[in-house]
Amino acid sequence: MMRKAPARTPDLWTVPRHVLKLLSYIILPAFLIFLWWALTVHSTSFIFPKFTKIVSSLKNYWMTAHGMGELWSSLRNLMVGYAIAVGLGIIVGAWLGASKAVRQVFMPVIDFIRSIPPPVLLPLGVVLIGVGDDMRITVITFGSIWPILFATIEGIRSTEPLRLSMSSVFHLRRVDHWWRLVLPGASPHIISGMRTALQIAFVLIVISELMASSSGIGFEILQASRTFRYADVWAGAIVLGLLGVVLNLTFGLFAAAILRWRTAESRARGMS
């Protein structure tokens, strides 16, 4: 005779999911904006200007054609460098993950290269490539490739043996073997590495524009600080924060779409 599972005691701290979304995306940001306005409404500080001045800077600079052009310059370099890092990271990571002998040969060199902080290469990049988009894309690619590379290696190595045996049973072609079995099995690791790499790429685009650039959000923030336009500096920081939120939300939708099959598979296993 089967025993009934004990009834779960309701958690007093459990909050409905839609309430959490409303709190995190609307109520809490609105409260923080109100708090910022209230603390600076009578401010006479040069470094911490009134919130209304910051809003005015957002409207009069970042929402103009020039400001949007600088924003697009940063976003374009970020996306190009990140896309190159994703492509190279997955290809090289799959090659290393599939062969133990290849890993033993190349991993010491890879460990040495990835230990070099990307900002250290900025002066060398300026000398070799120059101050331009190519230099910033190179720095972003170099800094963000490593999480994807190592996540792909780990994902390939942890592929379930059952998936690999299915390939031999059904006599799949090598392309189908990788595209239908190995890479989907490694996709949770790869997506995790891509998420970390996106955060690194976002930081690096700002650093590269602060240190060696003539355009972009970081460059405009640096110029504003040099000329003591601190309202513009705060406005630029807000733009960066909003851009980061949009990128994270977009990546979350992308990851959910890619890993949808994983959720369906887990439900099927639970029903069996």
C-alpha atoms as a PDB file:
ATOM      1  CA  MET A   1       0.000   0.000   0.000  1.00  0.00           C
ATOM      2  CA  MET A   2       1.444   3.340  -1.024  1.00  0.00           C
ATOM      3  CA  ARG A   3       1.916   5.964   1.650  1.00  0.00           C
ATOM      4  CA  LYS A   4       0.692   9.441   0.984  1.00  0.00           C
ATOM      5  CA  ALA A   5       3.341  12.082   0.935  1.00  0.00           C
ATOM      6  CA  PRO A   6       3.076  14.430   3.915  1.00  0.00           C
ATOM      7  CA  ALA A   7       1.311  17.657   3.156  1.00  0.00           C
ATOM      8  CA  ARG A   8       3.654  20.609   2.783  1.00  0.00           C
ATOM      9  CA  THR A   9       3.294  23.351   5.327  1.00  0.00           C
ATOM     10  CA  PRO A  10       2.581  26.637   3.547  1.00  0.00           C
ATOM     11  CA  ASP A  11       5.545  28.972   3.623  1.00  0.00           C
ATOM     12  CA  LEU A  12       4.578  32.320   5.094  1.00  0.00           C
ATOM     13  CA  TRP A  13       7.353  34.003   3.108  1.00  0.00           C
ATOM     14  CA  THR A  14       6.301  32.616  -0.252  1.00  0.00           C
ATOM     15  CA  VAL A  15       5.463  35.417  -2.684  1.00  0.00           C
ATOM     16  CA  PRO A  16       3.662  34.842  -6.007  1.00  0.00           C
ATOM     17  CA  ARG A  17       5.928  35.088  -9.014  1.00  0.00           C
ATOM     18  CA  HIS A  18       4.011  37.928 -10.664  1.00  0.00           C
ATOM     19  CA  VAL A  19       4.238  39.923  -7.424  1.00  0.00           C
ATOM     20  CA  LEU A  20       8.013  39.434  -7.353  1.00  0.00           C
ATOM     21  CA  LYS A  21       8.305  40.665 -10.947  1.00  0.00           C
ATOM     22  CA  LEU A  22       6.170  43.699 -10.162  1.00  0.00           C
ATOM     23  CA  LEU A  23       8.296  44.421  -7.100  1.00  0.00           C
ATOM     24  CA  SER A  24      11.655  43.995  -8.833  1.00  0.00           C
ATOM     25  CA  TYR A  25      10.912  45.810 -12.099  1.00  0.00           C
ATOM     26  CA  ILE A  26       8.506  48.591 -11.067  1.00  0.00           C
ATOM     27  CA  ILE A  27       7.980  49.200  -7.359  1.00  0.00           C
ATOM     28  CA  LEU A  28      11.574  48.928  -6.114  1.00  0.00           C
ATOM     29  CA  PRO A  29      13.119  51.041  -8.943  1.00  0.00           C
ATOM     30  CA  ALA A  30      10.381  53.661  -8.447  1.00  0.00           C
ATOM     31  CA  PHE A  31      11.116  53.783  -4.725  1.00  0.00           C
ATOM     32  CA  LEU A  32      14.864  54.147  -5.323  1.00  0.00           C
ATOM     33  CA  ILE A  33      14.260  56.965  -7.825  1.00  0.00           C
ATOM     34  CA  PHE A  34      12.016  58.741  -5.339  1.00  0.00           C
ATOM     35  CA  LEU A  35      14.627  58.282  -2.592  1.00  0.00           C
ATOM     36  CA  TRP A  36      17.357  59.673  -4.876  1.00  0.00           C
ATOM     37  CA  TRP A  37      15.167  62.688  -5.708  1.00  0.00           C
ATOM     38  CA  ALA A  38      14.301  63.291  -2.046  1.00  0.00           C
ATOM     39  CA  LEU A  39      17.941  63.172  -0.896  1.00  0.00           C
ATOM     40  CA  THR A  40      19.131  65.597  -3.566  1.00  0.00           C
ATOM     41  CA  VAL A  41      16.146  67.946  -3.910  1.00  0.00           C
ATOM     42  CA  HIS A  42      17.949  70.655  -1.889  1.00  0.00           C
ATOM     43  CA  SER A  43      21.474  69.616  -2.868  1.00  0.00           C
ATOM     44  CA  THR A  44      24.044  72.312  -3.569  1.00  0.00           C
ATOM     45  CA  SER A  45      26.896  69.830  -3.978  1.00  0.00           C
ATOM     46  CA  PHE A  46      28.895  70.025  -7.176  1.00  0.00           C
ATOM     47  CA  ILE A  47      29.615  66.286  -7.213  1.00  0.00           C
ATOM     48  CA  PHE A  48      26.118  65.167  -6.172  1.00  0.00           C
ATOM     49  CA  PRO A  49      23.778  67.410  -8.193  1.00  0.00           C
ATOM     50  CA  LYS A  50      20.010  67.454  -7.984  1.00  0.00           C
ATOM     51  CA  PHE A  51      18.259  64.496  -9.541  1.00  0.00           C
ATOM     52  CA  THR A  52      16.334  66.883 -11.790  1.00  0.00           C
ATOM     53  CA  LYS A  53      19.634  68.079 -13.304  1.00  0.00           C
ATOM     54  CA  ILE A  54      20.604  64.493 -14.060  1.00  0.00           C
ATOM     55  CA  VAL A  55      17.240  63.869 -15.733  1.00  0.00           C
ATOM     56  CA  SER A  56      17.740  67.054 -17.743  1.00  0.00           C
ATOM     57  CA  SER A  57      21.150  65.793 -18.866  1.00  0.00           C
ATOM     58  CA  LEU A  58      19.596  62.500 -19.936  1.00  0.00           C
ATOM     59  CA  LYS A  59      17.022  64.338 -22.022  1.00  0.00           C
ATOM     60  CA  ASN A  60      19.273  67.016 -23.501  1.00  0.00           C
ATOM     61  CA  TYR A  61      22.282  64.816 -24.317  1.00  0.00           C
ATOM     62  CA  TRP A  62      21.709  61.057 -24.335  1.00  0.00           C
ATOM     63  CA  MET A  63      18.331  61.308 -26.061  1.00  0.00           C
ATOM     64  CA  THR A  64      19.739  63.372 -28.900  1.00  0.00           C
ATOM     65  CA  ALA A  65      21.198  62.110 -32.165  1.00  0.00           C
ATOM     66  CA  HIS A  66      24.763  62.593 -30.875  1.00  0.00           C
ATOM     67  CA  GLY A  67      24.117  60.720 -27.622  1.00  0.00           C
ATOM     68  CA  MET A  68      22.363  57.857 -29.390  1.00  0.00           C
ATOM     69  CA  GLY A  69      25.270  57.681 -31.824  1.00  0.00           C
ATOM     70  CA  GLU A  70      27.751  57.278 -28.951  1.00  0.00           C
ATOM     71  CA  LEU A  71      25.515  54.635 -27.393  1.00  0.00           C
ATOM     72  CA  TRP A  72      25.306  52.737 -30.682  1.00  0.00           C
ATOM     73  CA  SER A  73      29.102  52.908 -31.081  1.00  0.00           C
ATOM     74  CA  SER A  74      29.608  51.179 -27.726  1.00  0.00           C
ATOM     75  CA  LEU A  75      26.835  48.642 -28.298  1.00  0.00           C
ATOM     76  CA  ARG A  76      28.097  47.755 -31.794  1.00  0.00           C
ATOM     77  CA  ASN A  77      31.644  47.072 -30.563  1.00  0.00           C
ATOM     78  CA  LEU A  78      30.286  45.102 -27.626  1.00  0.00           C
ATOM     79  CA  MET A  79      28.146  42.862 -29.824  1.00  0.00           C
ATOM     80  CA  VAL A  80      30.860  42.262 -32.440  1.00  0.00           C
ATOM     81  CA  GLY A  81      33.518  41.404 -29.864  1.00  0.00           C
ATOM     82  CA  TYR A  82      31.104  39.217 -27.918  1.00  0.00           C
ATOM     83  CA  ALA A  83      29.929  37.378 -31.036  1.00  0.00           C
ATOM     84  CA  ILE A  84      33.522  36.614 -32.032  1.00  0.00           C
ATOM     85  CA  ALA A  85      34.244  35.365 -28.510  1.00  0.00           C
ATOM     86  CA  VAL A  86      31.171  33.104 -28.578  1.00  0.00           C
ATOM     87  CA  GLY A  87      32.075  31.615 -31.956  1.00  0.00           C
ATOM     88  CA  LEU A  88      35.733  31.003 -31.155  1.00  0.00           C
ATOM     89  CA  GLY A  89      35.009  29.856 -27.607  1.00  0.00           C
ATOM     90  CA  ILE A  90      32.539  27.189 -28.692  1.00  0.00           C
ATOM     91  CA  ILE A  91      34.626  25.931 -31.628  1.00  0.00           C
ATOM     92  CA  VAL A  92      37.949  25.774 -29.773  1.00  0.00           C
ATOM     93  CA  GLY A  93      36.254  24.533 -26.583  1.00  0.00           C
ATOM     94  CA  ALA A  94      34.546  21.702 -28.456  1.00  0.00           C
ATOM     95  CA  TRP A  95      37.879  20.730 -30.050  1.00  0.00           C
ATOM     96  CA  LEU A  96      39.639  20.680 -26.683  1.00  0.00           C
ATOM     97  CA  GLY A  97      36.771  18.977 -24.900  1.00  0.00           C
ATOM     98  CA  ALA A  98      36.593  16.136 -27.418  1.00  0.00           C
ATOM     99  CA  SER A  99      40.263  15.156 -27.184  1.00  0.00           C
ATOM    100  CA  LYS A 100      42.209  14.529 -23.997  1.00  0.00           C
ATOM    101  CA  ALA A 101      45.508  14.529 -25.894  1.00  0.00           C
ATOM    102  CA  VAL A 102      44.793  17.966 -27.380  1.00  0.00           C
ATOM    103  CA  ARG A 103      43.915  19.320 -23.935  1.00  0.00           C
ATOM    104  CA  GLN A 104      47.158  18.060 -22.441  1.00  0.00           C
ATOM    105  CA  VAL A 105      49.141  19.815 -25.170  1.00  0.00           C
ATOM    106  CA  PHE A 106      47.376  23.188 -25.254  1.00  0.00           C
ATOM    107  CA  MET A 107      45.914  23.736 -21.779  1.00  0.00           C
ATOM    108  CA  PRO A 108      49.163  24.973 -20.155  1.00  0.00           C
ATOM    109  CA  VAL A 109      49.495  27.672 -22.834  1.00  0.00           C
ATOM    110  CA  ILE A 110      45.813  28.570 -22.572  1.00  0.00           C
ATOM    111  CA  ASP A 111      46.039  28.830 -18.779  1.00  0.00           C
ATOM    112  CA  PHE A 112      48.994  31.198 -19.160  1.00  0.00           C
ATOM    113  CA  ILE A 113      47.294  33.430 -21.731  1.00  0.00           C
ATOM    114  CA  ARG A 114      43.979  33.674 -19.886  1.00  0.00           C
ATOM    115  CA  SER A 115      45.817  34.758 -16.714  1.00  0.00           C
ATOM    116  CA  ILE A 116      46.771  38.037 -18.408  1.00  0.00           C
ATOM    117  CA  PRO A 117      44.260  40.754 -17.405  1.00  0.00           C
ATOM    118  CA  PRO A 118      42.725  42.257 -20.580  1.00  0.00           C
ATOM    119  CA  PRO A 119      43.246  45.908 -19.458  1.00  0.00           C
ATOM    120  CA  VAL A 120      47.009  45.235 -19.355  1.00  0.00           C
ATOM    121  CA  LEU A 121      46.893  44.662 -23.122  1.00  0.00           C
ATOM    122  CA  LEU A 122      45.296  48.038 -23.843  1.00  0.00           C
ATOM    123  CA  PRO A 123      48.603  49.950 -24.222  1.00  0.00           C
ATOM    124  CA  LEU A 124      49.957  47.204 -26.477  1.00  0.00           C
ATOM    125  CA  GLY A 125      46.720  47.196 -28.462  1.00  0.00           C
ATOM    126  CA  VAL A 126      46.955  50.954 -28.979  1.00  0.00           C
ATOM    127  CA  VAL A 127      50.493  50.578 -30.353  1.00  0.00           C
ATOM    128  CA  LEU A 128      49.737  47.605 -32.612  1.00  0.00           C
ATOM    129  CA  ILE A 129      46.165  48.339 -33.691  1.00  0.00           C
ATOM    130  CA  GLY A 130      45.610  51.990 -32.868  1.00  0.00           C
ATOM    131  CA  VAL A 131      42.852  53.870 -31.057  1.00  0.00           C
ATOM    132  CA  GLY A 132      39.719  52.693 -32.788  1.00  0.00           C
ATOM    133  CA  ASP A 133      36.945  50.132 -32.913  1.00  0.00           C
ATOM    134  CA  ASP A 134      39.295  47.295 -33.890  1.00  0.00           C
ATOM    135  CA  MET A 135      41.292  47.691 -30.692  1.00  0.00           C
ATOM    136  CA  ARG A 136      38.215  47.697 -28.467  1.00  0.00           C
ATOM    137  CA  ILE A 137      36.710  44.687 -30.254  1.00  0.00           C
ATOM    138  CA  THR A 138      39.999  42.795 -29.810  1.00  0.00           C
ATOM    139  CA  VAL A 139      40.125  43.548 -26.083  1.00  0.00           C
ATOM    140  CA  ILE A 140      36.489  42.483 -25.620  1.00  0.00           C
ATOM    141  CA  THR A 141      37.062  39.257 -27.534  1.00  0.00           C
ATOM    142  CA  PHE A 142      40.213  38.418 -25.587  1.00  0.00           C
ATOM    143  CA  GLY A 143      38.616  39.060 -22.216  1.00  0.00           C
ATOM    144  CA  SER A 144      35.261  37.375 -22.755  1.00  0.00           C
ATOM    145  CA  ILE A 145      36.280  34.234 -24.634  1.00  0.00           C
ATOM    146  CA  TRP A 146      37.588  32.334 -21.612  1.00  0.00           C
ATOM    147  CA  PRO A 147      34.333  31.623 -19.729  1.00  0.00           C
ATOM    148  CA  ILE A 148      32.788  30.321 -22.948  1.00  0.00           C
ATOM    149  CA  LEU A 149      35.845  28.245 -23.806  1.00  0.00           C
ATOM    150  CA  PHE A 150      36.085  26.513 -20.419  1.00  0.00           C
ATOM    151  CA  ALA A 151      32.317  26.079 -20.097  1.00  0.00           C
ATOM    152  CA  THR A 152      32.242  24.386 -23.506  1.00  0.00           C
ATOM    153  CA  ILE A 153      35.111  22.080 -22.531  1.00  0.00           C
ATOM    154  CA  GLU A 154      33.295  21.102 -19.335  1.00  0.00           C
ATOM    155  CA  GLY A 155      30.010  20.660 -21.166  1.00  0.00           C
ATOM    156  CA  ILE A 156      31.550  18.395 -23.807  1.00  0.00           C
ATOM    157  CA  ARG A 157      33.354  16.307 -21.194  1.00  0.00           C
ATOM    158  CA  SER A 158      30.182  15.877 -19.116  1.00  0.00           C
ATOM    159  CA  THR A 159      28.010  14.727 -22.018  1.00  0.00           C
ATOM    160  CA  GLU A 160      25.926  11.762 -20.928  1.00  0.00           C
ATOM    161  CA  PRO A 161      27.297   8.418 -22.186  1.00  0.00           C
ATOM    162  CA  LEU A 162      23.755   7.468 -23.247  1.00  0.00           C
ATOM    163  CA  ARG A 163      23.750  10.292 -25.789  1.00  0.00           C
ATOM    164  CA  LEU A 164      27.076   9.180 -27.205  1.00  0.00           C
ATOM    165  CA  SER A 165      25.905   5.573 -27.491  1.00  0.00           C
ATOM    166  CA  MET A 166      22.794   6.735 -29.343  1.00  0.00           C
ATOM    167  CA  SER A 167      25.048   8.210 -32.000  1.00  0.00           C
ATOM    168  CA  SER A 168      26.684   4.879 -32.737  1.00  0.00           C
ATOM    169  CA  VAL A 169      23.395   2.972 -32.571  1.00  0.00           C
ATOM    170  CA  PHE A 170      21.700   5.211 -35.145  1.00  0.00           C
ATOM    171  CA  HIS A 171      24.901   5.653 -37.204  1.00  0.00           C
ATOM    172  CA  LEU A 172      24.640   9.427 -37.190  1.00  0.00           C
ATOM    173  CA  ARG A 173      26.907  11.489 -39.370  1.00  0.00           C
ATOM    174  CA  ARG A 174      29.638  13.406 -37.580  1.00  0.00           C
ATOM    175  CA  VAL A 175      27.829  16.714 -38.182  1.00  0.00           C
ATOM    176  CA  ASP A 176      24.553  15.340 -36.788  1.00  0.00           C
ATOM    177  CA  HIS A 177      26.434  13.763 -33.881  1.00  0.00           C
ATOM    178  CA  TRP A 178      27.706  17.165 -32.806  1.00  0.00           C
ATOM    179  CA  TRP A 179      24.679  19.251 -33.763  1.00  0.00           C
ATOM    180  CA  ARG A 180      21.951  16.965 -32.397  1.00  0.00           C
ATOM    181  CA  LEU A 181      23.625  15.239 -29.432  1.00  0.00           C
ATOM    182  CA  VAL A 182      26.864  16.728 -28.134  1.00  0.00           C
ATOM    183  CA  LEU A 183      26.210  20.464 -28.358  1.00  0.00           C
ATOM    184  CA  PRO A 184      22.610  20.264 -27.035  1.00  0.00           C
ATOM    185  CA  GLY A 185      23.877  18.195 -24.119  1.00  0.00           C
ATOM    186  CA  ALA A 186      26.573  20.769 -23.400  1.00  0.00           C
ATOM    187  CA  SER A 187      24.268  23.760 -23.929  1.00  0.00           C
ATOM    188  CA  PRO A 188      23.530  24.436 -20.214  1.00  0.00           C
ATOM    189  CA  HIS A 189      27.265  24.821 -19.549  1.00  0.00           C
ATOM    190  CA  ILE A 190      27.760  26.913 -22.688  1.00  0.00           C
ATOM    191  CA  ILE A 191      24.859  29.237 -21.829  1.00  0.00           C
ATOM    192  CA  SER A 192      26.272  29.719 -18.341  1.00  0.00           C
ATOM    193  CA  GLY A 193      29.661  30.634 -19.802  1.00  0.00           C
ATOM    194  CA  MET A 194      28.039  33.000 -22.296  1.00  0.00           C
ATOM    195  CA  ARG A 195      26.214  34.806 -19.491  1.00  0.00           C
ATOM    196  CA  THR A 196      29.456  35.353 -17.578  1.00  0.00           C
ATOM    197  CA  ALA A 197      31.234  36.413 -20.763  1.00  0.00           C
ATOM    198  CA  LEU A 198      28.538  39.010 -21.513  1.00  0.00           C
ATOM    199  CA  GLN A 199      29.124  40.638 -18.131  1.00  0.00           C
ATOM    200  CA  ILE A 200      32.874  40.696 -18.736  1.00  0.00           C
ATOM    201  CA  ALA A 201      32.414  42.139 -22.234  1.00  0.00           C
ATOM    202  CA  PHE A 202      30.180  44.890 -20.841  1.00  0.00           C
ATOM    203  CA  VAL A 203      32.836  45.890 -18.302  1.00  0.00           C
ATOM    204  CA  LEU A 204      35.625  45.771 -20.876  1.00  0.00           C
ATOM    205  CA  ILE A 205      33.872  48.039 -23.373  1.00  0.00           C
ATOM    206  CA  VAL A 206      33.626  50.733 -20.705  1.00  0.00           C
ATOM    207  CA  ILE A 207      37.250  50.251 -19.575  1.00  0.00           C
ATOM    208  CA  SER A 208      38.576  50.356 -23.127  1.00  0.00           C
ATOM    209  CA  GLU A 209      36.643  53.550 -23.843  1.00  0.00           C
ATOM    210  CA  LEU A 210      37.854  55.165 -20.630  1.00  0.00           C
ATOM    211  CA  MET A 211      41.509  54.385 -21.285  1.00  0.00           C
ATOM    212  CA  ALA A 212      41.962  54.566 -25.043  1.00  0.00           C
ATOM    213  CA  SER A 213      39.118  55.824 -27.178  1.00  0.00           C
ATOM    214  CA  SER A 214      37.678  58.835 -28.953  1.00  0.00           C
ATOM    215  CA  SER A 215      34.020  57.779 -28.900  1.00  0.00           C
ATOM    216  CA  GLY A 216      31.536  55.708 -26.941  1.00  0.00           C
ATOM    217  CA  ILE A 217      29.799  55.940 -23.562  1.00  0.00           C
ATOM    218  CA  GLY A 218      32.989  55.527 -21.539  1.00  0.00           C
ATOM    219  CA  PHE A 219      34.742  58.268 -23.499  1.00  0.00           C
ATOM    220  CA  GLU A 220      31.833  60.670 -23.013  1.00  0.00           C
ATOM    221  CA  ILE A 221      31.737  59.987 -19.262  1.00  0.00           C
ATOM    222  CA  LEU A 222      35.496  60.595 -19.039  1.00  0.00           C
ATOM    223  CA  GLN A 223      35.194  63.866 -20.951  1.00  0.00           C
ATOM    224  CA  ALA A 224      32.338  64.985 -18.701  1.00  0.00           C
ATOM    225  CA  SER A 225      34.385  64.276 -15.558  1.00  0.00           C
ATOM    226  CA  ARG A 226      37.394  66.150 -16.953  1.00  0.00           C
ATOM    227  CA  THR A 227      35.253  69.233 -17.529  1.00  0.00           C
ATOM    228  CA  PHE A 228      33.481  68.877 -14.150  1.00  0.00           C
ATOM    229  CA  ARG A 229      30.049  68.157 -15.688  1.00  0.00           C
ATOM    230  CA  TYR A 230      29.041  65.746 -12.957  1.00  0.00           C
ATOM    231  CA  ALA A 231      25.365  65.730 -13.888  1.00  0.00           C
ATOM    232  CA  ASP A 232      26.442  64.317 -17.259  1.00  0.00           C
ATOM    233  CA  VAL A 233      28.648  61.766 -15.474  1.00  0.00           C
ATOM    234  CA  TRP A 234      25.701  60.536 -13.384  1.00  0.00           C
ATOM    235  CA  ALA A 235      23.500  60.510 -16.484  1.00  0.00           C
ATOM    236  CA  GLY A 236      26.071  58.375 -18.310  1.00  0.00           C
ATOM    237  CA  ALA A 237      26.167  55.969 -15.374  1.00  0.00           C
ATOM    238  CA  ILE A 238      22.372  55.639 -15.530  1.00  0.00           C
ATOM    239  CA  VAL A 239      22.562  54.931 -19.270  1.00  0.00           C
ATOM    240  CA  LEU A 240      25.125  52.184 -18.601  1.00  0.00           C
ATOM    241  CA  GLY A 241      22.902  50.668 -15.918  1.00  0.00           C
ATOM    242  CA  LEU A 242      19.850  50.670 -18.181  1.00  0.00           C
ATOM    243  CA  LEU A 243      21.878  49.150 -21.019  1.00  0.00           C
ATOM    244  CA  GLY A 244      23.089  46.404 -18.691  1.00  0.00           C
ATOM    245  CA  VAL A 245      19.519  45.620 -17.606  1.00  0.00           C
ATOM    246  CA  VAL A 246      18.337  45.414 -21.229  1.00  0.00           C
ATOM    247  CA  LEU A 247      21.234  43.114 -22.168  1.00  0.00           C
ATOM    248  CA  ASN A 248      20.564  40.812 -19.212  1.00  0.00           C
ATOM    249  CA  LEU A 249      16.845  40.603 -19.955  1.00  0.00           C
ATOM    250  CA  THR A 250      17.523  39.927 -23.633  1.00  0.00           C
ATOM    251  CA  PHE A 251      20.026  37.210 -22.799  1.00  0.00           C
ATOM    252  CA  GLY A 252      17.567  35.666 -20.348  1.00  0.00           C
ATOM    253  CA  LEU A 253      14.967  35.334 -23.116  1.00  0.00           C
ATOM    254  CA  PHE A 254      17.592  33.861 -25.438  1.00  0.00           C
ATOM    255  CA  ALA A 255      18.739  31.338 -22.812  1.00  0.00           C
ATOM    256  CA  ALA A 256      15.147  30.300 -22.042  1.00  0.00           C
ATOM    257  CA  ALA A 257      14.488  29.684 -25.737  1.00  0.00           C
ATOM    258  CA  ILE A 258      17.685  27.654 -26.189  1.00  0.00           C
ATOM    259  CA  LEU A 259      17.154  25.540 -23.063  1.00  0.00           C
ATOM    260  CA  ARG A 260      13.448  24.947 -23.612  1.00  0.00           C
ATOM    261  CA  TRP A 261      14.162  21.373 -24.709  1.00  0.00           C
ATOM    262  CA  ARG A 262      16.015  20.805 -21.420  1.00  0.00           C
ATOM    263  CA  THR A 263      12.940  21.739 -19.406  1.00  0.00           C
ATOM    264  CA  ALA A 264      10.741  19.459 -21.507  1.00  0.00           C
ATOM    265  CA  GLU A 265      13.202  16.601 -21.064  1.00  0.00           C
ATOM    266  CA  SER A 266      13.268  17.050 -17.276  1.00  0.00           C
ATOM    267  CA  ARG A 267       9.457  16.996 -17.143  1.00  0.00           C
ATOM    268  CA  ALA A 268       9.380  13.825 -19.251  1.00  0.00           C
ATOM    269  CA  ARG A 269      11.821  12.130 -16.908  1.00  0.00           C
ATOM    270  CA  GLY A 270       9.769  13.174 -13.926  1.00  0.00           C
ATOM    271  CA  MET A 271       6.639  11.653 -15.424  1.00  0.00           C
ATOM    272  CA  SER A 272       8.338   8.369 -16.280  1.00  0.00           C
END
